[in-house]
Amino acid sequence: MAGEYTAALTGAVDAIKKAGLTYTRVMNGIFMDYFGLPHVSSHLRPFAWALDIPGRRAAIPGTGDDLISITYSKDVARFVAALVGEDEWPEYSLISGSDASLNQIVALVEKALGAKLDVVHDSVEDLKAGKATDLFPGAETYGGADTVAMAAYLGLTVAEGKMVLPKEGRLNDRFPDIKPKSIEDLVAEAWTC
């Protein structure tokens, strides 16, 4: 499954290396915007993976205690703009507004809403078998993609601890004047009643 999502990126990087161009791979985890739409400014469309906050539902992979790195898209743009002005780029440019577990995000949302979400947990075994609770509104919204397979892949990536970025080498340290939005601030901004 990973190959389906990474093949184009791998091919592009290979072509860039072959051409001898300078490049960096910007990695920002999951866009935080998805946990605030439609109430935060964003050019992204809703992507109801793990949390469907307007529908008051959550489908948490595994225990829900594994950390994920999440960054507001407008903060990614600010870091990239700063990076463009630099003479040298690292191979990987890591950015994170917050590292939080999905259980922590659910708790923040419930506090902001003053109401509980309907939460289910998808087991690691189910995720490995390609089974996941589908919160997506319909495959047609995502270009006909298999949304269950997509949710299972993302969920397994989280449950295996592969969705949190290393602390070392983050652009947050290279550009300390850029203060990214935290998940606490985004949820409060989007969902406080």
C-alpha atoms as a PDB file:
ATOM      1  CA  MET A   1       0.000   0.000   0.000  1.00  0.00           C
ATOM      2  CA  ALA A   2       2.798   2.466   0.846  1.00  0.00           C
ATOM      3  CA  GLY A   3       4.155   2.161  -2.678  1.00  0.00           C
ATOM      4  CA  GLU A   4       0.873   3.436  -4.072  1.00  0.00           C
ATOM      5  CA  TYR A   5       1.238   6.651  -2.072  1.00  0.00           C
ATOM      6  CA  THR A   6       5.005   7.152  -2.387  1.00  0.00           C
ATOM      7  CA  ALA A   7       5.931   5.966  -5.896  1.00  0.00           C
ATOM      8  CA  ALA A   8       5.427   9.364  -7.548  1.00  0.00           C
ATOM      9  CA  LEU A   9       7.465  11.117  -4.852  1.00  0.00           C
ATOM     10  CA  THR A  10      10.299   8.605  -5.085  1.00  0.00           C
ATOM     11  CA  GLY A  11      10.392   8.953  -8.864  1.00  0.00           C
ATOM     12  CA  ALA A  12      10.457  12.751  -8.649  1.00  0.00           C
ATOM     13  CA  VAL A  13      13.324  12.717  -6.136  1.00  0.00           C
ATOM     14  CA  ASP A  14      15.291  10.316  -8.333  1.00  0.00           C
ATOM     15  CA  ALA A  15      14.799  12.623 -11.341  1.00  0.00           C
ATOM     16  CA  ILE A  16      15.861  15.696  -9.340  1.00  0.00           C
ATOM     17  CA  LYS A  17      19.003  13.935  -8.082  1.00  0.00           C
ATOM     18  CA  LYS A  18      19.855  12.785 -11.604  1.00  0.00           C
ATOM     19  CA  ALA A  19      19.496  16.363 -12.893  1.00  0.00           C
ATOM     20  CA  GLY A  20      21.820  17.638 -10.150  1.00  0.00           C
ATOM     21  CA  LEU A  21      19.282  20.134  -8.824  1.00  0.00           C
ATOM     22  CA  THR A  22      19.254  21.404  -5.255  1.00  0.00           C
ATOM     23  CA  TYR A  23      16.190  20.220  -3.385  1.00  0.00           C
ATOM     24  CA  THR A  24      14.742  19.498   0.016  1.00  0.00           C
ATOM     25  CA  ARG A  25      11.876  17.244   1.032  1.00  0.00           C
ATOM     26  CA  VAL A  26       9.476  19.184   3.243  1.00  0.00           C
ATOM     27  CA  MET A  27       7.831  16.894   5.771  1.00  0.00           C
ATOM     28  CA  ASN A  28       5.136  18.324   8.028  1.00  0.00           C
ATOM     29  CA  GLY A  29       3.122  15.333   9.172  1.00  0.00           C
ATOM     30  CA  ILE A  30      -0.644  15.664   8.843  1.00  0.00           C
ATOM     31  CA  PHE A  31      -2.050  19.081   8.062  1.00  0.00           C
ATOM     32  CA  MET A  32      -3.596  20.438  11.244  1.00  0.00           C
ATOM     33  CA  ASP A  33      -6.232  22.210   9.152  1.00  0.00           C
ATOM     34  CA  TYR A  34      -8.214  18.956   8.927  1.00  0.00           C
ATOM     35  CA  PHE A  35      -8.964  19.173  12.656  1.00  0.00           C
ATOM     36  CA  GLY A  36     -10.425  22.676  12.290  1.00  0.00           C
ATOM     37  CA  LEU A  37     -12.266  22.686   8.976  1.00  0.00           C
ATOM     38  CA  PRO A  38     -14.607  24.306   8.087  1.00  0.00           C
ATOM     39  CA  HIS A  39     -13.925  26.881  10.813  1.00  0.00           C
ATOM     40  CA  VAL A  40     -10.265  27.742  10.134  1.00  0.00           C
ATOM     41  CA  SER A  41      -8.800  29.587   7.179  1.00  0.00           C
ATOM     42  CA  SER A  42      -7.431  26.992   4.769  1.00  0.00           C
ATOM     43  CA  HIS A  43      -7.164  26.147   1.100  1.00  0.00           C
ATOM     44  CA  LEU A  44      -7.523  22.448   1.916  1.00  0.00           C
ATOM     45  CA  ARG A  45     -10.769  20.557   1.529  1.00  0.00           C
ATOM     46  CA  PRO A  46     -12.115  18.417   4.383  1.00  0.00           C
ATOM     47  CA  PHE A  47     -10.368  15.088   4.929  1.00  0.00           C
ATOM     48  CA  ALA A  48     -12.283  13.160   7.588  1.00  0.00           C
ATOM     49  CA  TRP A  49      -9.640  10.652   8.549  1.00  0.00           C
ATOM     50  CA  ALA A  50      -9.617   9.680  12.259  1.00  0.00           C
ATOM     51  CA  LEU A  51     -11.872  12.585  13.282  1.00  0.00           C
ATOM     52  CA  ASP A  52     -15.113  13.786  11.730  1.00  0.00           C
ATOM     53  CA  ILE A  53     -15.649  16.680  14.108  1.00  0.00           C
ATOM     54  CA  PRO A  54     -18.755  18.166  12.428  1.00  0.00           C
ATOM     55  CA  GLY A  55     -20.285  14.660  12.584  1.00  0.00           C
ATOM     56  CA  ARG A  56     -19.083  14.262  16.210  1.00  0.00           C
ATOM     57  CA  ARG A  57     -17.308  10.970  15.386  1.00  0.00           C
ATOM     58  CA  ALA A  58     -13.808   9.573  15.728  1.00  0.00           C
ATOM     59  CA  ALA A  59     -12.218   6.360  14.486  1.00  0.00           C
ATOM     60  CA  ILE A  60      -8.967   5.993  16.395  1.00  0.00           C
ATOM     61  CA  PRO A  61      -6.264   3.602  15.172  1.00  0.00           C
ATOM     62  CA  GLY A  62      -4.865   1.259  17.812  1.00  0.00           C
ATOM     63  CA  THR A  63      -4.786   2.633  21.340  1.00  0.00           C
ATOM     64  CA  GLY A  64      -4.842   6.250  20.190  1.00  0.00           C
ATOM     65  CA  ASP A  65      -1.810   7.035  22.346  1.00  0.00           C
ATOM     66  CA  ASP A  66       0.772   7.144  19.534  1.00  0.00           C
ATOM     67  CA  LEU A  67       2.011  10.616  18.663  1.00  0.00           C
ATOM     68  CA  ILE A  68       1.520  12.256  15.290  1.00  0.00           C
ATOM     69  CA  SER A  69       3.166  15.416  13.991  1.00  0.00           C
ATOM     70  CA  ILE A  70       0.649  17.983  12.780  1.00  0.00           C
ATOM     71  CA  THR A  71       1.222  21.400  11.244  1.00  0.00           C
ATOM     72  CA  TYR A  72      -1.100  24.177  10.102  1.00  0.00           C
ATOM     73  CA  SER A  73      -0.725  24.655   6.330  1.00  0.00           C
ATOM     74  CA  LYS A  74      -0.140  28.401   6.639  1.00  0.00           C
ATOM     75  CA  ASP A  75       2.770  27.697   8.996  1.00  0.00           C
ATOM     76  CA  VAL A  76       4.250  25.259   6.471  1.00  0.00           C
ATOM     77  CA  ALA A  77       4.146  28.117   3.941  1.00  0.00           C
ATOM     78  CA  ARG A  78       5.950  30.456   6.369  1.00  0.00           C
ATOM     79  CA  PHE A  79       8.719  27.916   6.999  1.00  0.00           C
ATOM     80  CA  VAL A  80       9.125  27.194   3.276  1.00  0.00           C
ATOM     81  CA  ALA A  81       9.319  30.931   2.510  1.00  0.00           C
ATOM     82  CA  ALA A  82      12.089  31.284   5.115  1.00  0.00           C
ATOM     83  CA  LEU A  83      13.898  28.239   3.748  1.00  0.00           C
ATOM     84  CA  VAL A  84      13.871  29.594   0.182  1.00  0.00           C
ATOM     85  CA  GLY A  85      16.058  32.479   1.370  1.00  0.00           C
ATOM     86  CA  GLU A  86      18.734  30.132   2.714  1.00  0.00           C
ATOM     87  CA  ASP A  87      21.893  29.202   0.797  1.00  0.00           C
ATOM     88  CA  GLU A  88      21.794  25.530   1.773  1.00  0.00           C
ATOM     89  CA  TRP A  89      18.961  23.108   2.317  1.00  0.00           C
ATOM     90  CA  PRO A  90      18.989  19.861   4.236  1.00  0.00           C
ATOM     91  CA  GLU A  91      17.796  16.767   2.377  1.00  0.00           C
ATOM     92  CA  TYR A  92      14.794  16.671   4.730  1.00  0.00           C
ATOM     93  CA  SER A  93      13.104  19.802   6.094  1.00  0.00           C
ATOM     94  CA  LEU A  94      10.964  18.760   9.052  1.00  0.00           C
ATOM     95  CA  ILE A  95       8.202  20.964  10.473  1.00  0.00           C
ATOM     96  CA  SER A  96       5.743  20.361  13.307  1.00  0.00           C
ATOM     97  CA  GLY A  97       3.269  22.689  14.934  1.00  0.00           C
ATOM     98  CA  SER A  98       2.439  20.045  17.551  1.00  0.00           C
ATOM     99  CA  ASP A  99       3.128  16.436  18.369  1.00  0.00           C
ATOM    100  CA  ALA A 100      -0.013  14.973  19.920  1.00  0.00           C
ATOM    101  CA  SER A 101      -1.884  11.698  20.145  1.00  0.00           C
ATOM    102  CA  LEU A 102      -5.312  11.274  18.609  1.00  0.00           C
ATOM    103  CA  ASN A 103      -6.676  10.650  22.114  1.00  0.00           C
ATOM    104  CA  GLN A 104      -5.281  14.043  23.162  1.00  0.00           C
ATOM    105  CA  ILE A 105      -6.877  15.691  20.129  1.00  0.00           C
ATOM    106  CA  VAL A 106     -10.232  14.032  20.873  1.00  0.00           C
ATOM    107  CA  ALA A 107     -10.027  15.348  24.460  1.00  0.00           C
ATOM    108  CA  LEU A 108      -9.273  18.879  23.196  1.00  0.00           C
ATOM    109  CA  VAL A 109     -12.203  18.729  20.761  1.00  0.00           C
ATOM    110  CA  GLU A 110     -14.612  17.388  23.392  1.00  0.00           C
ATOM    111  CA  LYS A 111     -13.567  20.142  25.804  1.00  0.00           C
ATOM    112  CA  ALA A 112     -14.043  22.827  23.140  1.00  0.00           C
ATOM    113  CA  LEU A 113     -17.425  21.449  22.055  1.00  0.00           C
ATOM    114  CA  GLY A 114     -18.629  20.720  25.550  1.00  0.00           C
ATOM    115  CA  ALA A 115     -19.811  17.359  24.203  1.00  0.00           C
ATOM    116  CA  LYS A 116     -18.488  13.838  23.730  1.00  0.00           C
ATOM    117  CA  LEU A 117     -17.582  12.377  20.351  1.00  0.00           C
ATOM    118  CA  ASP A 118     -18.738   8.907  19.330  1.00  0.00           C
ATOM    119  CA  VAL A 119     -15.335   7.171  19.448  1.00  0.00           C
ATOM    120  CA  VAL A 120     -14.448   3.744  18.068  1.00  0.00           C
ATOM    121  CA  HIS A 121     -11.009   2.131  17.972  1.00  0.00           C
ATOM    122  CA  ASP A 122      -9.723   0.168  14.986  1.00  0.00           C
ATOM    123  CA  SER A 123      -7.399  -2.638  16.086  1.00  0.00           C
ATOM    124  CA  VAL A 124      -3.909  -2.955  14.642  1.00  0.00           C
ATOM    125  CA  GLU A 125      -4.916  -6.402  13.360  1.00  0.00           C
ATOM    126  CA  ASP A 126      -7.844  -4.924  11.428  1.00  0.00           C
ATOM    127  CA  LEU A 127      -5.667  -2.121  10.077  1.00  0.00           C
ATOM    128  CA  LYS A 128      -3.072  -4.650   8.870  1.00  0.00           C
ATOM    129  CA  ALA A 129      -5.897  -6.508   7.105  1.00  0.00           C
ATOM    130  CA  GLY A 130      -6.933  -3.283   5.351  1.00  0.00           C
ATOM    131  CA  LYS A 131     -10.038  -2.801   7.505  1.00  0.00           C
ATOM    132  CA  ALA A 132     -10.863   0.553   9.101  1.00  0.00           C
ATOM    133  CA  THR A 133     -13.874   2.563  10.141  1.00  0.00           C
ATOM    134  CA  ASP A 134     -14.682   4.822   7.202  1.00  0.00           C
ATOM    135  CA  LEU A 135     -15.472   8.397   8.215  1.00  0.00           C
ATOM    136  CA  PHE A 136     -15.093   9.772   4.692  1.00  0.00           C
ATOM    137  CA  PRO A 137     -18.262  11.193   3.113  1.00  0.00           C
ATOM    138  CA  GLY A 138     -17.858   9.156  -0.072  1.00  0.00           C
ATOM    139  CA  ALA A 139     -15.186   7.862  -2.409  1.00  0.00           C
ATOM    140  CA  GLU A 140     -16.297  10.258  -5.137  1.00  0.00           C
ATOM    141  CA  THR A 141     -15.102  13.123  -2.943  1.00  0.00           C
ATOM    142  CA  TYR A 142     -11.575  11.702  -3.093  1.00  0.00           C
ATOM    143  CA  GLY A 143     -11.344  10.921  -6.796  1.00  0.00           C
ATOM    144  CA  GLY A 144     -12.737   7.418  -6.432  1.00  0.00           C
ATOM    145  CA  ALA A 145     -10.013   6.381  -3.973  1.00  0.00           C
ATOM    146  CA  ASP A 146     -10.623   3.400  -1.713  1.00  0.00           C
ATOM    147  CA  THR A 147     -11.216   5.423   1.442  1.00  0.00           C
ATOM    148  CA  VAL A 148     -11.257   2.363   3.719  1.00  0.00           C
ATOM    149  CA  ALA A 149      -7.834   1.297   2.425  1.00  0.00           C
ATOM    150  CA  MET A 150      -6.601   4.871   2.822  1.00  0.00           C
ATOM    151  CA  ALA A 151      -7.884   5.048   6.420  1.00  0.00           C
ATOM    152  CA  ALA A 152      -6.343   1.650   7.206  1.00  0.00           C
ATOM    153  CA  TYR A 153      -2.975   2.685   5.757  1.00  0.00           C
ATOM    154  CA  LEU A 154      -2.908   5.995   7.655  1.00  0.00           C
ATOM    155  CA  GLY A 155      -4.139   4.323  10.840  1.00  0.00           C
ATOM    156  CA  LEU A 156      -1.490   1.619  10.686  1.00  0.00           C
ATOM    157  CA  THR A 157       1.182   4.239  10.048  1.00  0.00           C
ATOM    158  CA  VAL A 158       0.081   6.036  13.226  1.00  0.00           C
ATOM    159  CA  ALA A 159      -0.284   2.867  15.319  1.00  0.00           C
ATOM    160  CA  GLU A 160       3.226   1.785  14.317  1.00  0.00           C
ATOM    161  CA  GLY A 161       4.647   5.130  15.498  1.00  0.00           C
ATOM    162  CA  LYS A 162       5.637   6.248  11.999  1.00  0.00           C
ATOM    163  CA  MET A 163       3.648   9.488  11.881  1.00  0.00           C
ATOM    164  CA  VAL A 164       5.730  11.485  14.352  1.00  0.00           C
ATOM    165  CA  LEU A 165       8.713  13.360  12.968  1.00  0.00           C
ATOM    166  CA  PRO A 166      12.127  13.275  14.657  1.00  0.00           C
ATOM    167  CA  LYS A 167      12.764  16.246  16.969  1.00  0.00           C
ATOM    168  CA  GLU A 168      16.293  16.689  15.645  1.00  0.00           C
ATOM    169  CA  GLY A 169      16.675  18.776  12.505  1.00  0.00           C
ATOM    170  CA  ARG A 170      13.295  20.485  12.581  1.00  0.00           C
ATOM    171  CA  LEU A 171      12.995  23.850  10.881  1.00  0.00           C
ATOM    172  CA  ASN A 172      11.313  25.006  14.093  1.00  0.00           C
ATOM    173  CA  ASP A 173      14.842  25.166  15.587  1.00  0.00           C
ATOM    174  CA  ARG A 174      16.420  26.726  12.494  1.00  0.00           C
ATOM    175  CA  PHE A 175      13.802  29.501  12.376  1.00  0.00           C
ATOM    176  CA  PRO A 176      12.869  30.162  16.032  1.00  0.00           C
ATOM    177  CA  ASP A 177      11.108  33.432  15.151  1.00  0.00           C
ATOM    178  CA  ILE A 178       8.394  31.450  13.361  1.00  0.00           C
ATOM    179  CA  LYS A 179       5.902  30.379  16.008  1.00  0.00           C
ATOM    180  CA  PRO A 180       3.604  27.731  14.525  1.00  0.00           C
ATOM    181  CA  LYS A 181       0.012  27.357  15.666  1.00  0.00           C
ATOM    182  CA  SER A 182      -0.475  24.596  18.232  1.00  0.00           C
ATOM    183  CA  ILE A 183      -3.234  22.005  18.058  1.00  0.00           C
ATOM    184  CA  GLU A 184      -4.604  23.448  21.304  1.00  0.00           C
ATOM    185  CA  ASP A 185      -4.937  26.894  19.721  1.00  0.00           C
ATOM    186  CA  LEU A 186      -6.406  25.581  16.466  1.00  0.00           C
ATOM    187  CA  VAL A 187      -9.048  23.451  18.196  1.00  0.00           C
ATOM    188  CA  ALA A 188     -10.012  26.299  20.532  1.00  0.00           C
ATOM    189  CA  GLU A 189     -10.252  28.700  17.574  1.00  0.00           C
ATOM    190  CA  ALA A 190     -12.329  26.302  15.488  1.00  0.00           C
ATOM    191  CA  TRP A 191     -14.605  24.543  17.962  1.00  0.00           C
ATOM    192  CA  THR A 192     -15.080  26.541  21.166  1.00  0.00           C
ATOM    193  CA  CYS A 193     -18.805  27.107  21.525  1.00  0.00           C
END
